[in-house]
Amino acid sequence: MTTSAVQRTPSRSRGSALSTGVWWLSPAGAAALTVPVTLLIAWQLDDSYFRESWGTAKSLTHDTLLLFAAGALLFAIGGMLPLLLSGGRGRHAASPAAAVDTGFLRRCCVVLYRLTIVGYVALAAVGASRGARPADLLDALTSQDAFDSTLRTQFAPIAGITTLTQLGIAYVVVAVTLLTRESNRYVARRLVVVVVLALMRAFFLTERLAILELAIPAVGILAMHAARRGGAGRRLSSAAPFVLVPGAIAVFGIFEYSRSWVFYSQQRGGSFLQFVIDRLAGYYATAYNNGQIALTYGLGSDVRLPYGSIEAFWTAPGISQWDLYGRLTGRYEPDDYAYLLQQYGTPEFNSPGGLSIPFVDYGTAGGLVFFFVVGLALGIAYLRWRDGEFWASLVYPVALTGLLEMPRYLYWGQGRVLPSFVALLVIAWLARRSTSTRGPR
């Protein structure tokens, strides 16, 4: 007998008390973990520290810091509104996937995994065609020095060809959701494969975000699952940042060892721990500084089309090959930004700053409106996840990465996340369609 994608939602039992969610998974809570402290760091450090530690002048002004803080505050207000209007209580605490047939989730995992592997095979073929050899990977591994490696250039992605590697994010979301419902060694083994492939990208291509965008959604799903079980699980999930933040710093240090420490340890003194802390602060402080440079020296000064906030559109397959943005504006945004960093910043620290991009794209008033509207949208999505809606349980954990990376990137607008958003929305639509056409069982 054919199994529908969605089954009747189980009735609440003694173990499924009403859920109020997990504070640090909400838009305001997640942003609070990174935005205030990084803004404070950027404000406290002076020009001489910027120059000595990161090789760039401090362009960031107090007025711009206040503007960024205002944007973050409006974002938090927008994110909290749906929760406040809901009365602070969820409709039910059953798992968001409790109404979805596990067979449907397994089939989704199979499709997503195969597409992800196709993407990695294509990436390997692209690298080989550009001259990469296994000996290059072995050399990077043995020397523990990826700073001067040519691998990043050789394995640079091609839109529409290597894009499928990013479906690994969607696979992790669906696989972890399934594993909270049943033990499945087959799915778990494939999950390990996807994570290992992302770790290889993080190490060899110094693409740390490749592992973060898998780990953060997985941790978010597990934390919400633990909270729904109540008791010790809820307490542990609420206190998780006290373990996760130091853990994230430790992981950062591990990857930074090969990414830059091996090179810089020969150029300057100091301990590895001191270097890691300084380097971590630098990624955030220079992101704000780069945002100031973009606002001051050109990216937002002319009449132009928004780019950074909707980068996924401009870099989509077909549109990027046609250079639609360049045809419409007469400029190429990545080159403009790279030029500004060469002139006023440092190309080594090239994060554009997630709090600056909306102001660059839409101006002061438009940027403030942007933050409020996006915060409101994410607040609604979080509320729906907390209340047990399947689509939100797929989409919001991916958006969580953008919340935690907001000081450095506007992650939600990047092309790297678009394939997973599309795939997860299609899965949610198929589940809903099955419900409406077949009816609950």
Protein backbone atom coordinates (compact mmCIF):
# COMPACT_ATOMS: atom_id res chain seq x y z
CA MET A 1 0.00 0.00 0.00
CA THR A 2 1.30 3.46 -0.91
CA THR A 3 2.33 5.56 2.04
CA SER A 4 1.44 9.22 1.96
CA ALA A 5 4.05 11.80 2.79
CA VAL A 6 2.07 13.11 5.72
CA GLN A 7 0.21 11.22 8.38
CA ARG A 8 -2.25 12.37 11.00
CA THR A 9 -0.61 14.52 13.66
CA PRO A 10 -0.36 12.53 16.87
CA SER A 11 -2.29 13.82 19.82
CA ARG A 12 -0.41 15.47 22.62
CA SER A 13 0.74 13.14 25.32
CA ARG A 14 2.14 13.64 28.78
CA GLY A 15 5.62 14.12 27.31
CA SER A 16 4.65 16.83 24.84
CA ALA A 17 4.08 19.90 26.95
CA LEU A 18 3.60 23.26 25.34
CA SER A 19 6.81 24.64 23.94
CA THR A 20 8.17 28.11 24.42
CA GLY A 21 11.15 27.41 22.18
CA VAL A 22 14.85 27.95 22.81
CA TRP A 23 15.89 31.54 23.43
CA TRP A 24 19.14 31.52 21.44
CA LEU A 25 17.50 29.97 18.38
CA SER A 26 15.14 32.93 17.99
CA PRO A 27 16.19 35.79 15.68
CA ALA A 28 16.82 38.20 18.54
CA GLY A 29 18.53 35.59 20.70
CA ALA A 30 20.86 34.33 17.96
CA ALA A 31 21.83 37.85 16.91
CA ALA A 32 22.48 38.73 20.56
CA LEU A 33 25.19 36.07 20.73
CA THR A 34 27.39 37.80 18.16
CA VAL A 35 26.28 41.34 17.28
CA PRO A 36 26.65 43.29 20.59
CA VAL A 37 30.06 41.90 21.55
CA THR A 38 31.52 42.31 18.05
CA LEU A 39 30.21 45.87 17.75
CA LEU A 40 31.83 46.61 21.11
CA ILE A 41 35.15 45.14 19.94
CA ALA A 42 35.10 47.23 16.77
CA TRP A 43 34.29 50.36 18.80
CA GLN A 44 36.96 49.80 21.46
CA LEU A 45 39.95 49.07 19.20
CA ASP A 46 41.75 52.11 17.79
CA ASP A 47 43.43 52.84 14.48
CA SER A 48 46.89 51.75 15.63
CA TYR A 49 45.56 48.34 16.65
CA PHE A 50 43.83 47.89 13.29
CA ARG A 51 47.04 48.76 11.47
CA GLU A 52 49.34 46.64 13.61
CA SER A 53 47.14 43.54 13.82
CA TRP A 54 45.28 43.48 10.52
CA GLY A 55 47.16 45.80 8.18
CA THR A 56 44.36 48.29 7.58
CA ALA A 57 43.45 51.75 8.81
CA LYS A 58 40.36 52.06 10.97
CA SER A 59 37.78 53.86 8.84
CA LEU A 60 34.85 52.91 11.06
CA THR A 61 33.21 55.93 12.73
CA HIS A 62 31.05 56.13 15.82
CA ASP A 63 28.11 57.35 13.74
CA THR A 64 28.29 54.30 11.51
CA LEU A 65 28.57 52.00 14.51
CA LEU A 66 25.40 53.58 15.88
CA LEU A 67 23.73 53.05 12.50
CA PHE A 68 24.70 49.37 12.53
CA ALA A 69 23.44 49.07 16.12
CA ALA A 70 20.14 50.70 15.14
CA GLY A 71 19.73 48.22 12.28
CA ALA A 72 20.44 45.31 14.62
CA LEU A 73 17.98 46.69 17.19
CA LEU A 74 15.20 47.01 14.60
CA PHE A 75 16.00 43.49 13.43
CA ALA A 76 15.63 42.20 17.00
CA ILE A 77 12.36 44.09 17.50
CA GLY A 78 10.97 42.67 14.27
CA GLY A 79 12.06 39.19 15.30
CA MET A 80 10.44 39.45 18.73
CA LEU A 81 7.08 40.84 17.57
CA PRO A 82 5.58 37.53 16.39
CA LEU A 83 6.60 35.87 19.65
CA LEU A 84 5.13 38.66 21.77
CA LEU A 85 1.89 38.70 19.80
CA SER A 86 1.58 34.92 20.10
CA GLY A 87 1.44 35.15 23.87
CA GLY A 88 4.72 33.26 24.28
CA ARG A 89 3.24 29.78 24.05
CA GLY A 90 3.34 27.28 21.21
CA ARG A 91 0.33 25.41 19.85
CA HIS A 92 1.95 22.04 20.37
CA ALA A 93 5.32 20.55 21.12
CA ALA A 94 5.25 17.51 18.87
CA SER A 95 8.26 17.19 16.60
CA PRO A 96 7.80 19.19 13.39
CA ALA A 97 8.40 15.97 11.47
CA ALA A 98 6.05 13.92 13.64
CA ALA A 99 3.29 14.23 11.05
CA VAL A 100 5.58 13.42 8.14
CA ASP A 101 6.05 9.82 7.08
CA THR A 102 9.61 8.62 7.69
CA GLY A 103 9.60 6.86 4.32
CA PHE A 104 9.09 10.23 2.63
CA LEU A 105 12.01 11.68 4.56
CA ARG A 106 14.19 8.72 3.60
CA ARG A 107 13.40 9.19 -0.08
CA CYS A 108 14.25 12.89 0.20
CA CYS A 109 17.57 11.97 1.81
CA VAL A 110 18.41 9.64 -1.07
CA VAL A 111 17.75 12.29 -3.71
CA LEU A 112 19.59 15.05 -1.85
CA TYR A 113 22.60 12.85 -1.13
CA ARG A 114 22.96 11.74 -4.74
CA LEU A 115 22.72 15.29 -6.03
CA THR A 116 25.28 16.44 -3.46
CA ILE A 117 27.73 13.73 -4.51
CA VAL A 118 27.23 14.68 -8.17
CA GLY A 119 28.19 18.22 -7.19
CA TYR A 120 31.38 17.05 -5.46
CA VAL A 121 32.32 14.85 -8.42
CA ALA A 122 31.87 17.89 -10.67
CA LEU A 123 33.98 19.99 -8.30
CA ALA A 124 36.74 17.37 -8.36
CA ALA A 125 36.62 17.29 -12.16
CA VAL A 126 36.84 21.08 -12.33
CA GLY A 127 39.87 21.07 -10.03
CA ALA A 128 41.58 18.34 -12.04
CA SER A 129 40.95 20.21 -15.29
CA ARG A 130 42.71 23.24 -13.79
CA GLY A 131 45.79 21.27 -12.81
CA ALA A 132 45.04 20.08 -9.26
CA ARG A 133 46.59 16.72 -8.42
CA PRO A 134 46.35 14.39 -5.39
CA ALA A 135 49.95 15.34 -4.58
CA ASP A 136 48.82 18.95 -4.07
CA LEU A 137 46.28 17.83 -1.47
CA LEU A 138 48.89 15.65 0.24
CA ASP A 139 51.36 18.54 0.31
CA ALA A 140 48.80 20.86 1.92
CA LEU A 141 47.96 18.17 4.47
CA THR A 142 51.55 17.41 5.45
CA SER A 143 52.74 21.02 5.52
CA GLN A 144 49.61 22.20 7.38
CA ASP A 145 49.93 25.41 5.37
CA ALA A 146 46.97 26.44 3.21
CA PHE A 147 47.78 30.17 3.18
CA ASP A 148 49.66 30.20 -0.13
CA SER A 149 47.93 27.21 -1.68
CA THR A 150 46.67 27.37 -5.27
CA LEU A 151 43.89 24.91 -4.45
CA ARG A 152 41.34 27.68 -3.87
CA THR A 153 41.84 28.93 -7.41
CA GLN A 154 41.87 25.46 -8.94
CA PHE A 155 38.66 24.43 -7.17
CA ALA A 156 36.84 27.75 -7.56
CA PRO A 157 33.15 26.93 -8.10
CA ILE A 158 31.33 27.32 -11.40
CA ALA A 159 27.70 28.45 -11.20
CA GLY A 160 25.31 25.71 -12.27
CA ILE A 161 28.00 23.01 -12.28
CA THR A 162 29.43 22.78 -8.76
CA THR A 163 26.34 24.40 -7.19
CA LEU A 164 24.99 20.97 -6.25
CA THR A 165 27.60 20.63 -3.49
CA GLN A 166 25.52 23.14 -1.54
CA LEU A 167 22.61 20.69 -1.40
CA GLY A 168 24.63 19.09 1.38
CA ILE A 169 23.02 21.69 3.64
CA ALA A 170 19.54 20.44 2.73
CA TYR A 171 20.68 16.84 3.18
CA VAL A 172 21.93 17.55 6.69
CA VAL A 173 18.65 19.26 7.65
CA VAL A 174 16.46 16.40 6.39
CA ALA A 175 18.80 13.67 7.66
CA VAL A 176 19.10 15.09 11.19
CA THR A 177 15.33 15.64 11.28
CA LEU A 178 14.84 11.99 10.32
CA LEU A 179 17.40 10.78 12.86
CA THR A 180 15.50 12.53 15.66
CA ARG A 181 12.63 10.17 14.82
CA GLU A 182 14.38 6.89 14.09
CA SER A 183 17.75 5.20 14.15
CA ASN A 184 18.97 4.80 10.58
CA ARG A 185 22.57 3.72 10.03
CA TYR A 186 22.32 4.18 6.27
CA VAL A 187 21.32 7.83 6.59
CA ALA A 188 23.85 8.39 9.39
CA ARG A 189 26.73 6.99 7.33
CA ARG A 190 25.85 9.24 4.42
CA LEU A 191 25.64 12.15 6.84
CA VAL A 192 29.22 11.43 7.88
CA VAL A 193 30.30 11.39 4.22
CA VAL A 194 28.72 14.81 3.56
CA VAL A 195 30.34 16.26 6.69
CA VAL A 196 33.77 14.84 5.78
CA LEU A 197 33.53 16.34 2.29
CA ALA A 198 32.68 19.71 3.82
CA LEU A 199 35.61 19.36 6.23
CA MET A 200 37.88 18.80 3.24
CA ARG A 201 36.61 22.01 1.66
CA ALA A 202 37.11 23.84 4.95
CA PHE A 203 40.71 22.63 5.23
CA PHE A 204 42.04 22.49 1.68
CA LEU A 205 40.10 25.45 0.28
CA THR A 206 40.10 27.46 3.55
CA GLU A 207 36.31 27.59 3.23
CA ARG A 208 35.35 27.42 6.89
CA LEU A 209 31.76 28.40 6.13
CA ALA A 210 31.35 25.06 4.33
CA ILE A 211 31.35 23.22 7.66
CA LEU A 212 29.59 25.93 9.66
CA GLU A 213 26.57 25.86 7.35
CA LEU A 214 26.20 22.15 8.09
CA ALA A 215 26.96 22.22 11.80
CA ILE A 216 24.75 25.18 12.77
CA PRO A 217 21.47 23.82 11.32
CA ALA A 218 22.19 20.38 12.80
CA VAL A 219 22.85 21.82 16.26
CA GLY A 220 19.72 23.97 16.01
CA ILE A 221 17.52 20.99 15.14
CA LEU A 222 18.97 18.89 17.95
CA ALA A 223 18.58 21.73 20.46
CA MET A 224 14.91 22.25 19.58
CA HIS A 225 14.33 18.49 19.70
CA ALA A 226 15.90 18.30 23.17
CA ALA A 227 13.83 21.26 24.37
CA ARG A 228 10.60 19.61 23.23
CA ARG A 229 11.37 16.57 25.36
CA GLY A 230 11.28 18.79 28.45
CA GLY A 231 13.10 18.33 31.74
CA ALA A 232 16.87 18.11 31.54
CA GLY A 233 16.77 18.35 27.75
CA ARG A 234 15.14 21.77 27.91
CA ARG A 235 17.61 23.02 30.51
CA LEU A 236 20.59 21.74 28.55
CA SER A 237 19.39 23.27 25.28
CA SER A 238 18.89 26.64 26.98
CA ALA A 239 22.40 26.55 28.44
CA ALA A 240 24.03 25.20 25.27
CA PRO A 241 25.68 28.53 24.25
CA PHE A 242 27.94 28.31 27.29
CA VAL A 243 29.45 25.19 25.71
CA LEU A 244 28.93 25.95 22.02
CA VAL A 245 30.62 29.37 22.01
CA PRO A 246 33.94 28.14 23.51
CA GLY A 247 33.66 25.09 21.26
CA ALA A 248 33.22 27.28 18.19
CA ILE A 249 36.30 29.30 19.15
CA ALA A 250 38.29 26.07 19.54
CA VAL A 251 37.17 24.85 16.10
CA PHE A 252 38.06 28.24 14.65
CA GLY A 253 41.55 27.87 16.10
CA ILE A 254 41.97 24.40 14.62
CA PHE A 255 41.18 25.59 11.11
CA GLU A 256 43.12 28.83 11.53
CA TYR A 257 46.25 26.83 12.32
CA SER A 258 46.66 25.72 8.71
CA ARG A 259 44.83 28.68 7.24
CA SER A 260 47.18 31.35 8.59
CA TRP A 261 49.14 30.47 11.76
CA VAL A 262 51.77 28.36 10.00
CA PHE A 263 52.51 31.35 7.77
CA TYR A 264 52.24 34.15 10.34
CA SER A 265 54.13 32.33 13.09
CA GLN A 266 57.24 32.85 10.95
CA GLN A 267 56.55 36.58 10.61
CA ARG A 268 55.61 37.60 14.15
CA GLY A 269 55.86 36.43 17.73
CA GLY A 270 53.23 35.60 20.32
CA SER A 271 51.42 32.45 21.35
CA PHE A 272 48.96 30.51 19.24
CA LEU A 273 46.12 31.30 21.66
CA GLN A 274 46.83 35.02 21.43
CA PHE A 275 46.92 34.73 17.65
CA VAL A 276 43.55 32.91 17.52
CA ILE A 277 41.82 35.51 19.70
CA ASP A 278 43.30 38.38 17.73
CA ARG A 279 42.43 36.71 14.43
CA LEU A 280 38.85 36.02 15.49
CA ALA A 281 38.36 39.62 16.61
CA GLY A 282 39.87 40.74 13.32
CA TYR A 283 37.34 38.91 11.18
CA TYR A 284 34.49 40.75 12.87
CA ALA A 285 36.11 44.15 13.39
CA THR A 286 37.35 44.37 9.80
CA ALA A 287 33.92 43.30 8.50
CA TYR A 288 32.41 46.39 10.13
CA ASN A 289 35.35 48.42 8.86
CA ASN A 290 34.83 47.13 5.32
CA GLY A 291 31.20 48.14 5.57
CA GLN A 292 32.30 51.66 6.42
CA ILE A 293 34.65 51.66 3.42
CA ALA A 294 31.85 50.57 1.10
CA LEU A 295 29.55 53.28 2.46
CA THR A 296 32.19 56.00 2.28
CA TYR A 297 34.09 55.36 -0.92
CA GLY A 298 31.69 54.30 -3.55
CA LEU A 299 29.49 51.23 -3.46
CA GLY A 300 26.46 53.11 -2.22
CA SER A 301 27.18 56.58 -3.63
CA ASP A 302 25.76 56.24 -7.15
CA VAL A 303 22.33 55.37 -8.41
CA ARG A 304 22.56 51.60 -8.61
CA LEU A 305 20.70 48.34 -8.23
CA PRO A 306 20.90 46.39 -4.95
CA TYR A 307 23.55 43.69 -5.09
CA GLY A 308 24.72 42.24 -1.78
CA SER A 309 21.25 41.72 -0.30
CA ILE A 310 20.08 39.78 -3.39
CA GLU A 311 23.42 38.42 -4.56
CA ALA A 312 21.85 34.99 -5.13
CA PHE A 313 19.82 36.46 -7.99
CA TRP A 314 22.75 38.12 -9.76
CA THR A 315 25.01 35.05 -9.39
CA ALA A 316 22.38 32.47 -10.37
CA PRO A 317 23.21 30.17 -13.30
CA GLY A 318 22.41 31.90 -16.57
CA ILE A 319 22.11 35.35 -15.05
CA SER A 320 25.75 35.40 -13.95
CA GLN A 321 26.98 34.09 -17.31
CA TRP A 322 25.01 36.81 -19.07
CA ASP A 323 26.42 39.41 -16.65
CA LEU A 324 22.98 40.94 -16.18
CA TYR A 325 24.09 43.23 -13.34
CA GLY A 326 26.95 44.60 -15.42
CA ARG A 327 24.71 45.12 -18.44
CA LEU A 328 22.17 47.04 -16.36
CA THR A 329 24.59 49.13 -14.29
CA GLY A 330 27.84 49.21 -16.25
CA ARG A 331 29.82 47.92 -13.29
CA TYR A 332 30.91 44.62 -11.79
CA GLU A 333 30.27 44.63 -8.06
CA PRO A 334 32.89 42.09 -6.91
CA ASP A 335 35.61 43.97 -8.78
CA ASP A 336 34.46 47.30 -7.32
CA TYR A 337 34.58 45.86 -3.80
CA ALA A 338 37.99 44.25 -4.37
CA TYR A 339 39.33 47.60 -5.59
CA LEU A 340 38.07 49.37 -2.47
CA LEU A 341 39.79 46.80 -0.26
CA GLN A 342 43.03 47.24 -2.18
CA GLN A 343 42.86 51.02 -1.76
CA TYR A 344 41.42 51.48 1.73
CA GLY A 345 41.33 48.12 3.49
CA THR A 346 43.06 44.75 3.19
CA PRO A 347 42.11 41.96 0.77
CA GLU A 348 43.04 39.38 3.40
CA PHE A 349 40.06 40.35 5.56
CA ASN A 350 37.38 40.66 2.91
CA SER A 351 34.11 40.02 4.76
CA PRO A 352 31.64 42.67 3.55
CA GLY A 353 29.77 43.00 6.86
CA GLY A 354 26.18 41.82 7.06
CA LEU A 355 25.05 44.92 8.95
CA SER A 356 26.37 47.25 6.26
CA ILE A 357 25.03 45.61 3.10
CA PRO A 358 21.39 46.77 3.46
CA PHE A 359 22.55 50.37 3.96
CA VAL A 360 24.83 50.11 0.92
CA ASP A 361 21.98 48.69 -1.16
CA TYR A 362 19.02 50.76 0.06
CA GLY A 363 20.38 53.79 1.89
CA THR A 364 19.90 54.70 5.54
CA ALA A 365 16.09 54.65 5.71
CA GLY A 366 15.80 51.69 3.37
CA GLY A 367 18.39 49.74 5.34
CA LEU A 368 16.53 50.27 8.60
CA VAL A 369 13.27 49.14 6.99
CA PHE A 370 15.09 46.13 5.53
CA PHE A 371 16.31 44.99 8.95
CA PHE A 372 12.88 45.32 10.53
CA VAL A 373 11.11 43.45 7.72
CA VAL A 374 13.69 40.63 7.59
CA GLY A 375 13.62 40.34 11.38
CA LEU A 376 9.82 40.13 11.26
CA ALA A 377 9.91 37.44 8.56
CA LEU A 378 12.43 35.35 10.48
CA GLY A 379 10.45 35.86 13.68
CA ILE A 380 7.38 34.40 11.96
CA ALA A 381 9.44 31.48 10.61
CA TYR A 382 10.86 30.79 14.08
CA LEU A 383 7.37 30.92 15.60
CA ARG A 384 6.11 28.42 13.02
CA TRP A 385 9.07 26.13 13.74
CA ARG A 386 8.46 26.37 17.46
CA ASP A 387 4.79 25.62 16.90
CA GLY A 388 5.56 22.53 14.84
CA GLU A 389 5.07 23.47 11.18
CA PHE A 390 7.06 21.26 8.83
CA TRP A 391 8.17 23.89 6.30
CA ALA A 392 9.64 26.08 9.03
CA SER A 393 11.47 23.13 10.59
CA LEU A 394 13.33 22.77 7.30
CA VAL A 395 13.95 26.40 6.37
CA TYR A 396 14.65 28.13 9.68
CA PRO A 397 17.65 25.98 10.77
CA VAL A 398 19.38 27.04 7.53
CA ALA A 399 18.52 30.68 8.21
CA LEU A 400 20.07 30.26 11.67
CA THR A 401 23.52 30.25 10.06
CA GLY A 402 22.85 33.74 8.73
CA LEU A 403 21.77 34.95 12.16
CA LEU A 404 25.02 33.87 13.78
CA GLU A 405 27.13 35.15 10.86
CA MET A 406 25.29 38.47 10.49
CA PRO A 407 28.25 40.64 11.60
CA ARG A 408 30.32 39.24 8.70
CA TYR A 409 27.91 38.28 5.91
CA LEU A 410 24.33 38.71 4.79
CA TYR A 411 24.17 34.96 4.36
CA TRP A 412 20.52 34.71 3.32
CA GLY A 413 21.15 36.67 0.14
CA GLN A 414 24.16 34.65 -0.99
CA GLY A 415 23.99 32.26 -3.91
CA ARG A 416 25.57 29.44 -1.90
CA VAL A 417 22.44 28.98 0.23
CA LEU A 418 19.82 29.36 -2.51
CA PRO A 419 19.92 25.70 -3.74
CA SER A 420 19.15 24.38 -0.26
CA PHE A 421 16.38 26.90 0.37
CA VAL A 422 14.77 25.91 -2.93
CA ALA A 423 15.17 22.17 -2.29
CA LEU A 424 13.74 22.37 1.23
CA LEU A 425 10.77 24.46 0.10
CA VAL A 426 10.07 21.90 -2.64
CA ILE A 427 10.16 19.11 -0.04
CA ALA A 428 7.76 21.05 2.19
CA TRP A 429 5.46 21.67 -0.79
CA LEU A 430 5.46 17.97 -1.72
CA ALA A 431 4.55 17.05 1.85
CA ARG A 432 1.72 19.59 1.89
CA ARG A 433 0.51 18.52 -1.57
CA SER A 434 0.35 14.92 -0.43
CA THR A 435 -1.81 15.99 2.49
CA SER A 436 -4.25 17.95 0.35
CA THR A 437 -4.57 15.30 -2.39
CA ARG A 438 -4.68 12.16 -0.27
CA GLY A 439 -5.92 13.46 3.01
CA PRO A 440 -4.64 12.50 6.47
CA ARG A 441 -4.52 8.88 7.44
